[in-house]
Structure formats: C-alpha cells, structure tokens
ModelCIF file with pLDDT and N, C-alpha, C, O atoms, coordinates in Angstrom:
data_MODEL
#
_entry.id   MODEL 
#
_entity.id                         1 
_entity.type                       polymer 
_entity.pdbx_number_of_molecules   1 
#
_entity_poly.entity_id                      1 
_entity_poly.type                           'polypeptide(L)' 
_entity_poly.nstd_linkage                   no 
_entity_poly.nstd_monomer                   no 
_entity_poly.pdbx_seq_one_letter_code       GEPTPFGWPSRSSYFGIFDLCGFPKDRAYLYQSQWTDKPVVHLF 
_entity_poly.pdbx_seq_one_letter_code_can   GEPTPFGWPSRSSYFGIFDLCGFPKDRAYLYQSQWTDKPVVHLF 
_entity_poly.pdbx_strand_id                 A 
#
loop_
_entity_poly_seq.entity_id 
_entity_poly_seq.num 
_entity_poly_seq.mon_id 
_entity_poly_seq.hetero 
1 1  GLY n 
1 2  GLU n 
1 3  PRO n 
1 4  THR n 
1 5  PRO n 
1 6  PHE n 
1 7  GLY n 
1 8  TRP n 
1 9  PRO n 
1 10 SER n 
1 11 ARG n 
1 12 SER n 
1 13 SER n 
1 14 TYR n 
1 15 PHE n 
1 16 GLY n 
1 17 ILE n 
1 18 PHE n 
1 19 ASP n 
1 20 LEU n 
1 21 CYS n 
1 22 GLY n 
1 23 PHE n 
1 24 PRO n 
1 25 LYS n 
1 26 ASP n 
1 27 ARG n 
1 28 ALA n 
1 29 TYR n 
1 30 LEU n 
1 31 TYR n 
1 32 GLN n 
1 33 SER n 
1 34 GLN n 
1 35 TRP n 
1 36 THR n 
1 37 ASP n 
1 38 LYS n 
1 39 PRO n 
1 40 VAL n 
1 41 VAL n 
1 42 HIS n 
1 43 LEU n 
1 44 PHE n 
#
_struct_asym.id          A 
_struct_asym.entity_id   1 
#
loop_
_ma_qa_metric.id 
_ma_qa_metric.mode 
_ma_qa_metric.name 
_ma_qa_metric.software_group_id 
_ma_qa_metric.type 
1 global pLDDT . pLDDT 
2 local  pLDDT . pLDDT 
#
_ma_qa_metric_global.metric_id      1 
_ma_qa_metric_global.metric_value   96.48 
_ma_qa_metric_global.model_id       1 
_ma_qa_metric_global.ordinal_id     1 
#
loop_
_ma_qa_metric_local.label_asym_id 
_ma_qa_metric_local.label_comp_id 
_ma_qa_metric_local.label_seq_id 
_ma_qa_metric_local.metric_id 
_ma_qa_metric_local.metric_value 
_ma_qa_metric_local.model_id 
_ma_qa_metric_local.ordinal_id 
A GLY 1  2 95.00 1 1  
A GLU 2  2 94.00 1 2  
A PRO 3  2 95.00 1 3  
A THR 4  2 91.00 1 4  
A PRO 5  2 90.00 1 5  
A PHE 6  2 91.00 1 6  
A GLY 7  2 91.00 1 7  
A TRP 8  2 92.00 1 8  
A PRO 9  2 93.00 1 9  
A SER 10 2 95.00 1 10 
A ARG 11 2 96.00 1 11 
A SER 12 2 97.00 1 12 
A SER 13 2 97.00 1 13 
A TYR 14 2 96.00 1 14 
A PHE 15 2 97.00 1 15 
A GLY 16 2 98.00 1 16 
A ILE 17 2 98.00 1 17 
A PHE 18 2 98.00 1 18 
A ASP 19 2 98.00 1 19 
A LEU 20 2 98.00 1 20 
A CYS 21 2 98.00 1 21 
A GLY 22 2 98.00 1 22 
A PHE 23 2 98.00 1 23 
A PRO 24 2 98.00 1 24 
A LYS 25 2 97.00 1 25 
A ASP 26 2 97.00 1 26 
A ARG 27 2 97.00 1 27 
A ALA 28 2 98.00 1 28 
A TYR 29 2 98.00 1 29 
A LEU 30 2 98.00 1 30 
A TYR 31 2 98.00 1 31 
A GLN 32 2 98.00 1 32 
A SER 33 2 98.00 1 33 
A GLN 34 2 98.00 1 34 
A TRP 35 2 98.00 1 35 
A THR 36 2 98.00 1 36 
A ASP 37 2 96.00 1 37 
A LYS 38 2 97.00 1 38 
A PRO 39 2 98.00 1 39 
A VAL 40 2 98.00 1 40 
A VAL 41 2 98.00 1 41 
A HIS 42 2 98.00 1 42 
A LEU 43 2 98.00 1 43 
A PHE 44 2 97.00 1 44 
#
loop_
_atom_site.group_PDB 
_atom_site.id 
_atom_site.type_symbol 
_atom_site.label_atom_id 
_atom_site.label_alt_id 
_atom_site.label_comp_id 
_atom_site.label_asym_id 
_atom_site.label_entity_id 
_atom_site.label_seq_id 
_atom_site.pdbx_PDB_ins_code 
_atom_site.Cartn_x 
_atom_site.Cartn_y 
_atom_site.Cartn_z 
_atom_site.occupancy 
_atom_site.B_iso_or_equiv 
_atom_site.pdbx_formal_charge 
_atom_site.auth_seq_id 
_atom_site.auth_comp_id 
_atom_site.auth_asym_id 
_atom_site.auth_atom_id 
_atom_site.pdbx_PDB_model_num 
ATOM 1   N N  . GLY A 1 1  ? 8.607  25.362 43.287 1.00 95.00 ? 1  GLY A N  1 
ATOM 2   C CA . GLY A 1 1  ? 7.711  24.854 42.260 1.00 95.00 ? 1  GLY A CA 1 
ATOM 3   C C  . GLY A 1 1  ? 8.207  23.559 41.652 1.00 95.00 ? 1  GLY A C  1 
ATOM 4   O O  . GLY A 1 1  ? 9.289  23.078 41.991 1.00 95.00 ? 1  GLY A O  1 
ATOM 5   N N  . GLU A 1 2  ? 7.411  22.991 40.746 1.00 94.00 ? 2  GLU A N  1 
ATOM 6   C CA . GLU A 1 2  ? 7.717  21.783 39.979 1.00 94.00 ? 2  GLU A CA 1 
ATOM 7   C C  . GLU A 1 2  ? 8.227  20.639 40.866 1.00 94.00 ? 2  GLU A C  1 
ATOM 8   O O  . GLU A 1 2  ? 9.352  20.176 40.676 1.00 94.00 ? 2  GLU A O  1 
ATOM 9   N N  . PRO A 1 3  ? 7.420  20.174 41.830 1.00 95.00 ? 3  PRO A N  1 
ATOM 10  C CA . PRO A 1 3  ? 7.889  19.138 42.760 1.00 95.00 ? 3  PRO A CA 1 
ATOM 11  C C  . PRO A 1 3  ? 7.731  17.717 42.227 1.00 95.00 ? 3  PRO A C  1 
ATOM 12  O O  . PRO A 1 3  ? 7.297  16.825 42.956 1.00 95.00 ? 3  PRO A O  1 
ATOM 13  N N  . THR A 1 4  ? 8.079  17.504 40.961 1.00 91.00 ? 4  THR A N  1 
ATOM 14  C CA . THR A 1 4  ? 8.008  16.169 40.353 1.00 91.00 ? 4  THR A CA 1 
ATOM 15  C C  . THR A 1 4  ? 8.729  15.153 41.234 1.00 91.00 ? 4  THR A C  1 
ATOM 16  O O  . THR A 1 4  ? 9.849  15.433 41.662 1.00 91.00 ? 4  THR A O  1 
ATOM 17  N N  . PRO A 1 5  ? 8.156  14.000 41.525 1.00 90.00 ? 5  PRO A N  1 
ATOM 18  C CA . PRO A 1 5  ? 6.944  13.395 40.961 1.00 90.00 ? 5  PRO A CA 1 
ATOM 19  C C  . PRO A 1 5  ? 5.698  13.636 41.806 1.00 90.00 ? 5  PRO A C  1 
ATOM 20  O O  . PRO A 1 5  ? 4.675  12.982 41.604 1.00 90.00 ? 5  PRO A O  1 
ATOM 21  N N  . PHE A 1 6  ? 5.777  14.569 42.751 1.00 91.00 ? 6  PHE A N  1 
ATOM 22  C CA . PHE A 1 6  ? 4.688  14.767 43.686 1.00 91.00 ? 6  PHE A CA 1 
ATOM 23  C C  . PHE A 1 6  ? 3.901  16.030 43.392 1.00 91.00 ? 6  PHE A C  1 
ATOM 24  O O  . PHE A 1 6  ? 4.350  16.907 42.653 1.00 91.00 ? 6  PHE A O  1 
ATOM 25  N N  . GLY A 1 7  ? 2.731  16.103 43.978 1.00 91.00 ? 7  GLY A N  1 
ATOM 26  C CA . GLY A 1 7  ? 1.962  17.333 44.021 1.00 91.00 ? 7  GLY A CA 1 
ATOM 27  C C  . GLY A 1 7  ? 1.960  17.854 45.446 1.00 91.00 ? 7  GLY A C  1 
ATOM 28  O O  . GLY A 1 7  ? 2.917  17.652 46.194 1.00 91.00 ? 7  GLY A O  1 
ATOM 29  N N  . TRP A 1 8  ? 0.888  18.520 45.813 1.00 92.00 ? 8  TRP A N  1 
ATOM 30  C CA . TRP A 1 8  ? 0.729  19.025 47.159 1.00 92.00 ? 8  TRP A CA 1 
ATOM 31  C C  . TRP A 1 8  ? 0.867  17.882 48.165 1.00 92.00 ? 8  TRP A C  1 
ATOM 32  O O  . TRP A 1 8  ? 0.352  16.796 47.897 1.00 92.00 ? 8  TRP A O  1 
ATOM 33  N N  . PRO A 1 9  ? 1.541  18.069 49.320 1.00 93.00 ? 9  PRO A N  1 
ATOM 34  C CA . PRO A 1 9  ? 2.044  19.342 49.851 1.00 93.00 ? 9  PRO A CA 1 
ATOM 35  C C  . PRO A 1 9  ? 3.474  19.684 49.465 1.00 93.00 ? 9  PRO A C  1 
ATOM 36  O O  . PRO A 1 9  ? 4.025  20.636 50.020 1.00 93.00 ? 9  PRO A O  1 
ATOM 37  N N  . SER A 1 10 ? 4.103  18.968 48.552 1.00 95.00 ? 10 SER A N  1 
ATOM 38  C CA . SER A 1 10 ? 5.439  19.378 48.114 1.00 95.00 ? 10 SER A CA 1 
ATOM 39  C C  . SER A 1 10 ? 5.345  20.712 47.392 1.00 95.00 ? 10 SER A C  1 
ATOM 40  O O  . SER A 1 10 ? 4.471  20.906 46.548 1.00 95.00 ? 10 SER A O  1 
ATOM 41  N N  . ARG A 1 11 ? 6.245  21.632 47.723 1.00 96.00 ? 11 ARG A N  1 
ATOM 42  C CA . ARG A 1 11 ? 6.168  22.981 47.156 1.00 96.00 ? 11 ARG A CA 1 
ATOM 43  C C  . ARG A 1 11 ? 7.455  23.395 46.447 1.00 96.00 ? 11 ARG A C  1 
ATOM 44  O O  . ARG A 1 11 ? 7.559  24.528 45.978 1.00 96.00 ? 11 ARG A O  1 
ATOM 45  N N  . SER A 1 12 ? 8.432  22.499 46.362 1.00 97.00 ? 12 SER A N  1 
ATOM 46  C CA . SER A 1 12 ? 9.671  22.817 45.655 1.00 97.00 ? 12 SER A CA 1 
ATOM 47  C C  . SER A 1 12 ? 10.230 21.547 45.039 1.00 97.00 ? 12 SER A C  1 
ATOM 48  O O  . SER A 1 12 ? 9.787  20.442 45.352 1.00 97.00 ? 12 SER A O  1 
ATOM 49  N N  . SER A 1 13 ? 11.199 21.717 44.169 1.00 97.00 ? 13 SER A N  1 
ATOM 50  C CA . SER A 1 13 ? 11.669 20.605 43.344 1.00 97.00 ? 13 SER A CA 1 
ATOM 51  C C  . SER A 1 13 ? 12.593 19.669 44.112 1.00 97.00 ? 13 SER A C  1 
ATOM 52  O O  . SER A 1 13 ? 13.052 19.981 45.210 1.00 97.00 ? 13 SER A O  1 
ATOM 53  N N  . TYR A 1 14 ? 12.853 18.507 43.503 1.00 96.00 ? 14 TYR A N  1 
ATOM 54  C CA . TYR A 1 14 ? 13.758 17.495 44.045 1.00 96.00 ? 14 TYR A CA 1 
ATOM 55  C C  . TYR A 1 14 ? 14.961 17.286 43.116 1.00 96.00 ? 14 TYR A C  1 
ATOM 56  O O  . TYR A 1 14 ? 15.772 16.390 43.354 1.00 96.00 ? 14 TYR A O  1 
ATOM 57  N N  . PHE A 1 15 ? 15.083 18.093 42.072 1.00 97.00 ? 15 PHE A N  1 
ATOM 58  C CA . PHE A 1 15 ? 16.068 17.857 41.014 1.00 97.00 ? 15 PHE A CA 1 
ATOM 59  C C  . PHE A 1 15 ? 17.482 18.309 41.367 1.00 97.00 ? 15 PHE A C  1 
ATOM 60  O O  . PHE A 1 15 ? 18.443 17.836 40.760 1.00 97.00 ? 15 PHE A O  1 
ATOM 61  N N  . GLY A 1 16 ? 17.628 19.205 42.326 1.00 98.00 ? 16 GLY A N  1 
ATOM 62  C CA . GLY A 1 16 ? 18.901 19.857 42.558 1.00 98.00 ? 16 GLY A CA 1 
ATOM 63  C C  . GLY A 1 16 ? 20.013 18.941 43.036 1.00 98.00 ? 16 GLY A C  1 
ATOM 64  O O  . GLY A 1 16 ? 19.780 17.969 43.755 1.00 98.00 ? 16 GLY A O  1 
ATOM 65  N N  . ILE A 1 17 ? 21.228 19.274 42.620 1.00 98.00 ? 17 ILE A N  1 
ATOM 66  C CA . ILE A 1 17 ? 22.414 18.661 43.215 1.00 98.00 ? 17 ILE A CA 1 
ATOM 67  C C  . ILE A 1 17 ? 22.540 19.136 44.655 1.00 98.00 ? 17 ILE A C  1 
ATOM 68  O O  . ILE A 1 17 ? 23.027 18.418 45.529 1.00 98.00 ? 17 ILE A O  1 
ATOM 69  N N  . PHE A 1 18 ? 22.087 20.370 44.878 1.00 98.00 ? 18 PHE A N  1 
ATOM 70  C CA . PHE A 1 18 ? 22.016 20.956 46.214 1.00 98.00 ? 18 PHE A CA 1 
ATOM 71  C C  . PHE A 1 18 ? 20.559 21.253 46.528 1.00 98.00 ? 18 PHE A C  1 
ATOM 72  O O  . PHE A 1 18 ? 19.775 21.548 45.626 1.00 98.00 ? 18 PHE A O  1 
ATOM 73  N N  . ASP A 1 19 ? 20.193 21.176 47.801 1.00 98.00 ? 19 ASP A N  1 
ATOM 74  C CA . ASP A 1 19 ? 18.799 21.409 48.159 1.00 98.00 ? 19 ASP A CA 1 
ATOM 75  C C  . ASP A 1 19 ? 18.473 22.897 48.137 1.00 98.00 ? 19 ASP A C  1 
ATOM 76  O O  . ASP A 1 19 ? 19.319 23.713 47.770 1.00 98.00 ? 19 ASP A O  1 
ATOM 77  N N  . LEU A 1 20 ? 17.261 23.253 48.523 1.00 98.00 ? 20 LEU A N  1 
ATOM 78  C CA . LEU A 1 20 ? 16.817 24.639 48.421 1.00 98.00 ? 20 LEU A CA 1 
ATOM 79  C C  . LEU A 1 20 ? 17.637 25.565 49.316 1.00 98.00 ? 20 LEU A C  1 
ATOM 80  O O  . LEU A 1 20 ? 17.692 26.770 49.071 1.00 98.00 ? 20 LEU A O  1 
ATOM 81  N N  . CYS A 1 21 ? 18.273 25.016 50.348 1.00 98.00 ? 21 CYS A N  1 
ATOM 82  C CA . CYS A 1 21 ? 19.141 25.807 51.225 1.00 98.00 ? 21 CYS A CA 1 
ATOM 83  C C  . CYS A 1 21 ? 20.548 25.965 50.657 1.00 98.00 ? 21 CYS A C  1 
ATOM 84  O O  . CYS A 1 21 ? 21.313 26.816 51.111 1.00 98.00 ? 21 CYS A O  1 
ATOM 85  N N  . GLY A 1 22 ? 20.885 25.153 49.672 1.00 98.00 ? 22 GLY A N  1 
ATOM 86  C CA . GLY A 1 22 ? 22.257 25.125 49.191 1.00 98.00 ? 22 GLY A CA 1 
ATOM 87  C C  . GLY A 1 22 ? 23.101 24.082 49.883 1.00 98.00 ? 22 GLY A C  1 
ATOM 88  O O  . GLY A 1 22 ? 24.322 24.079 49.728 1.00 98.00 ? 22 GLY A O  1 
ATOM 89  N N  . PHE A 1 23 ? 22.474 23.185 50.653 1.00 98.00 ? 23 PHE A N  1 
ATOM 90  C CA . PHE A 1 23 ? 23.199 22.092 51.298 1.00 98.00 ? 23 PHE A CA 1 
ATOM 91  C C  . PHE A 1 23 ? 23.368 20.949 50.296 1.00 98.00 ? 23 PHE A C  1 
ATOM 92  O O  . PHE A 1 23 ? 22.439 20.660 49.541 1.00 98.00 ? 23 PHE A O  1 
ATOM 93  N N  . PRO A 1 24 ? 24.537 20.290 50.270 1.00 98.00 ? 24 PRO A N  1 
ATOM 94  C CA . PRO A 1 24 ? 24.775 19.246 49.267 1.00 98.00 ? 24 PRO A CA 1 
ATOM 95  C C  . PRO A 1 24 ? 23.993 17.978 49.544 1.00 98.00 ? 24 PRO A C  1 
ATOM 96  O O  . PRO A 1 24 ? 23.926 17.509 50.680 1.00 98.00 ? 24 PRO A O  1 
ATOM 97  N N  . LYS A 1 25 ? 23.398 17.426 48.489 1.00 97.00 ? 25 LYS A N  1 
ATOM 98  C CA . LYS A 1 25 ? 22.913 16.056 48.529 1.00 97.00 ? 25 LYS A CA 1 
ATOM 99  C C  . LYS A 1 25 ? 24.119 15.146 48.240 1.00 97.00 ? 25 LYS A C  1 
ATOM 100 O O  . LYS A 1 25 ? 25.175 15.624 47.827 1.00 97.00 ? 25 LYS A O  1 
ATOM 101 N N  . ASP A 1 26 ? 23.957 13.857 48.455 1.00 97.00 ? 26 ASP A N  1 
ATOM 102 C CA . ASP A 1 26 ? 25.101 12.963 48.270 1.00 97.00 ? 26 ASP A CA 1 
ATOM 103 C C  . ASP A 1 26 ? 25.665 13.039 46.861 1.00 97.00 ? 26 ASP A C  1 
ATOM 104 O O  . ASP A 1 26 ? 26.875 12.922 46.668 1.00 97.00 ? 26 ASP A O  1 
ATOM 105 N N  . ARG A 1 27 ? 24.788 13.235 45.867 1.00 97.00 ? 27 ARG A N  1 
ATOM 106 C CA . ARG A 1 27 ? 25.297 13.214 44.486 1.00 97.00 ? 27 ARG A CA 1 
ATOM 107 C C  . ARG A 1 27 ? 26.199 14.389 44.160 1.00 97.00 ? 27 ARG A C  1 
ATOM 108 O O  . ARG A 1 27 ? 26.895 14.369 43.145 1.00 97.00 ? 27 ARG A O  1 
ATOM 109 N N  . ALA A 1 28 ? 26.200 15.427 45.016 1.00 98.00 ? 28 ALA A N  1 
ATOM 110 C CA . ALA A 1 28 ? 27.159 16.515 44.811 1.00 98.00 ? 28 ALA A CA 1 
ATOM 111 C C  . ALA A 1 28 ? 28.581 15.967 44.820 1.00 98.00 ? 28 ALA A C  1 
ATOM 112 O O  . ALA A 1 28 ? 29.442 16.449 44.084 1.00 98.00 ? 28 ALA A O  1 
ATOM 113 N N  . TYR A 1 29 ? 28.824 14.963 45.653 1.00 98.00 ? 29 TYR A N  1 
ATOM 114 C CA . TYR A 1 29 ? 30.167 14.392 45.754 1.00 98.00 ? 29 TYR A CA 1 
ATOM 115 C C  . TYR A 1 29 ? 30.479 13.479 44.570 1.00 98.00 ? 29 TYR A C  1 
ATOM 116 O O  . TYR A 1 29 ? 31.647 13.276 44.236 1.00 98.00 ? 29 TYR A O  1 
ATOM 117 N N  . LEU A 1 30 ? 29.450 12.929 43.935 1.00 98.00 ? 30 LEU A N  1 
ATOM 118 C CA . LEU A 1 30 ? 29.679 12.176 42.712 1.00 98.00 ? 30 LEU A CA 1 
ATOM 119 C C  . LEU A 1 30 ? 30.183 13.113 41.620 1.00 98.00 ? 30 LEU A C  1 
ATOM 120 O O  . LEU A 1 30 ? 31.168 12.817 40.943 1.00 98.00 ? 30 LEU A O  1 
ATOM 121 N N  . TYR A 1 31 ? 29.498 14.253 41.452 1.00 98.00 ? 31 TYR A N  1 
ATOM 122 C CA . TYR A 1 31 ? 29.972 15.215 40.462 1.00 98.00 ? 31 TYR A CA 1 
ATOM 123 C C  . TYR A 1 31 ? 31.369 15.706 40.815 1.00 98.00 ? 31 TYR A C  1 
ATOM 124 O O  . TYR A 1 31 ? 32.221 15.834 39.936 1.00 98.00 ? 31 TYR A O  1 
ATOM 125 N N  . GLN A 1 32 ? 31.611 15.981 42.083 1.00 98.00 ? 32 GLN A N  1 
ATOM 126 C CA . GLN A 1 32 ? 32.932 16.448 42.495 1.00 98.00 ? 32 GLN A CA 1 
ATOM 127 C C  . GLN A 1 32 ? 34.011 15.419 42.157 1.00 98.00 ? 32 GLN A C  1 
ATOM 128 O O  . GLN A 1 32 ? 35.115 15.775 41.744 1.00 98.00 ? 32 GLN A O  1 
ATOM 129 N N  . SER A 1 33 ? 33.677 14.136 42.338 1.00 98.00 ? 33 SER A N  1 
ATOM 130 C CA . SER A 1 33 ? 34.656 13.093 42.038 1.00 98.00 ? 33 SER A CA 1 
ATOM 131 C C  . SER A 1 33 ? 34.932 12.966 40.546 1.00 98.00 ? 33 SER A C  1 
ATOM 132 O O  . SER A 1 33 ? 36.012 12.528 40.150 1.00 98.00 ? 33 SER A O  1 
ATOM 133 N N  . GLN A 1 34 ? 33.960 13.349 39.714 1.00 98.00 ? 34 GLN A N  1 
ATOM 134 C CA . GLN A 1 34 ? 34.110 13.232 38.261 1.00 98.00 ? 34 GLN A CA 1 
ATOM 135 C C  . GLN A 1 34 ? 34.629 14.512 37.616 1.00 98.00 ? 34 GLN A C  1 
ATOM 136 O O  . GLN A 1 34 ? 35.255 14.458 36.557 1.00 98.00 ? 34 GLN A O  1 
ATOM 137 N N  . TRP A 1 35 ? 34.378 15.657 38.237 1.00 98.00 ? 35 TRP A N  1 
ATOM 138 C CA . TRP A 1 35 ? 34.649 16.946 37.604 1.00 98.00 ? 35 TRP A CA 1 
ATOM 139 C C  . TRP A 1 35 ? 35.829 17.706 38.204 1.00 98.00 ? 35 TRP A C  1 
ATOM 140 O O  . TRP A 1 35 ? 36.186 18.772 37.702 1.00 98.00 ? 35 TRP A O  1 
ATOM 141 N N  . THR A 1 36 ? 36.438 17.186 39.258 1.00 98.00 ? 36 THR A N  1 
ATOM 142 C CA . THR A 1 36 ? 37.565 17.885 39.863 1.00 98.00 ? 36 THR A CA 1 
ATOM 143 C C  . THR A 1 36 ? 38.710 16.905 40.118 1.00 98.00 ? 36 THR A C  1 
ATOM 144 O O  . THR A 1 36 ? 38.549 15.687 40.039 1.00 98.00 ? 36 THR A O  1 
ATOM 145 N N  . ASP A 1 37 ? 39.871 17.486 40.426 1.00 96.00 ? 37 ASP A N  1 
ATOM 146 C CA . ASP A 1 37 ? 41.026 16.697 40.834 1.00 96.00 ? 37 ASP A CA 1 
ATOM 147 C C  . ASP A 1 37 ? 41.185 16.679 42.348 1.00 96.00 ? 37 ASP A C  1 
ATOM 148 O O  . ASP A 1 37 ? 42.174 16.157 42.863 1.00 96.00 ? 37 ASP A O  1 
ATOM 149 N N  . LYS A 1 38 ? 40.216 17.246 43.061 1.00 97.00 ? 38 LYS A N  1 
ATOM 150 C CA . LYS A 1 38 ? 40.278 17.217 44.516 1.00 97.00 ? 38 LYS A CA 1 
ATOM 151 C C  . LYS A 1 38 ? 40.176 15.773 45.002 1.00 97.00 ? 38 LYS A C  1 
ATOM 152 O O  . LYS A 1 38 ? 39.423 14.988 44.427 1.00 97.00 ? 38 LYS A O  1 
ATOM 153 N N  . PRO A 1 39 ? 40.910 15.409 46.041 1.00 98.00 ? 39 PRO A N  1 
ATOM 154 C CA . PRO A 1 39 ? 40.731 14.078 46.619 1.00 98.00 ? 39 PRO A CA 1 
ATOM 155 C C  . PRO A 1 39 ? 39.325 13.943 47.219 1.00 98.00 ? 39 PRO A C  1 
ATOM 156 O O  . PRO A 1 39 ? 38.965 14.677 48.139 1.00 98.00 ? 39 PRO A O  1 
ATOM 157 N N  . VAL A 1 40 ? 38.543 13.006 46.695 1.00 98.00 ? 40 VAL A N  1 
ATOM 158 C CA . VAL A 1 40 ? 37.160 12.824 47.123 1.00 98.00 ? 40 VAL A CA 1 
ATOM 159 C C  . VAL A 1 40 ? 36.955 11.391 47.604 1.00 98.00 ? 40 VAL A C  1 
ATOM 160 O O  . VAL A 1 40 ? 37.198 10.440 46.862 1.00 98.00 ? 40 VAL A O  1 
ATOM 161 N N  . VAL A 1 41 ? 36.509 11.243 48.839 1.00 98.00 ? 41 VAL A N  1 
ATOM 162 C CA . VAL A 1 41 ? 35.982 9.987  49.359 1.00 98.00 ? 41 VAL A CA 1 
ATOM 163 C C  . VAL A 1 41 ? 34.766 10.369 50.190 1.00 98.00 ? 41 VAL A C  1 
ATOM 164 O O  . VAL A 1 41 ? 34.900 11.009 51.233 1.00 98.00 ? 41 VAL A O  1 
ATOM 165 N N  . HIS A 1 42 ? 33.584 9.983  49.734 1.00 98.00 ? 42 HIS A N  1 
ATOM 166 C CA . HIS A 1 42 ? 32.343 10.349 50.423 1.00 98.00 ? 42 HIS A CA 1 
ATOM 167 C C  . HIS A 1 42 ? 31.504 9.106  50.673 1.00 98.00 ? 42 HIS A C  1 
ATOM 168 O O  . HIS A 1 42 ? 31.076 8.427  49.740 1.00 98.00 ? 42 HIS A O  1 
ATOM 169 N N  . LEU A 1 43 ? 31.275 8.823  51.952 1.00 98.00 ? 43 LEU A N  1 
ATOM 170 C CA . LEU A 1 43 ? 30.475 7.672  52.375 1.00 98.00 ? 43 LEU A CA 1 
ATOM 171 C C  . LEU A 1 43 ? 29.035 8.073  52.639 1.00 98.00 ? 43 LEU A C  1 
ATOM 172 O O  . LEU A 1 43 ? 28.771 9.183  53.100 1.00 98.00 ? 43 LEU A O  1 
ATOM 173 N N  . PHE A 1 44 ? 28.112 7.182  52.351 1.00 97.00 ? 44 PHE A N  1 
ATOM 174 C CA . PHE A 1 44 ? 26.722 7.350  52.763 1.00 97.00 ? 44 PHE A CA 1 
ATOM 175 C C  . PHE A 1 44 ? 26.059 5.981  52.783 1.00 97.00 ? 44 PHE A C  1 
ATOM 176 O O  . PHE A 1 44 ? 24.875 5.872  53.104 1.00 97.00 ? 44 PHE A O  1 
#
C-alpha cells in the first residue's frame, strides 16, 4: 500500500531502506556507515 508518489499499478511503498523482500537499497549502506563502526565502503 501507499505507493507515493504513484498510484496504480504500483501496489507497495517506495519508502523502505529495504525493499519488500528485505533486500537492501543503496541507502541501507549510508545508514550503516553513519550508525555502526563496521568498515563500510559501498559503490553504486
């Protein structure tokens, strides 16, 4: 639901850090770089 900024045929949201499957979008690594001490280098 809530597929802002689109309507049909989008049927799920675009807001997640992770997609509906739980796969990371690129910004997941931005949060990881800011919120953890893990060594992070992520190219895209």
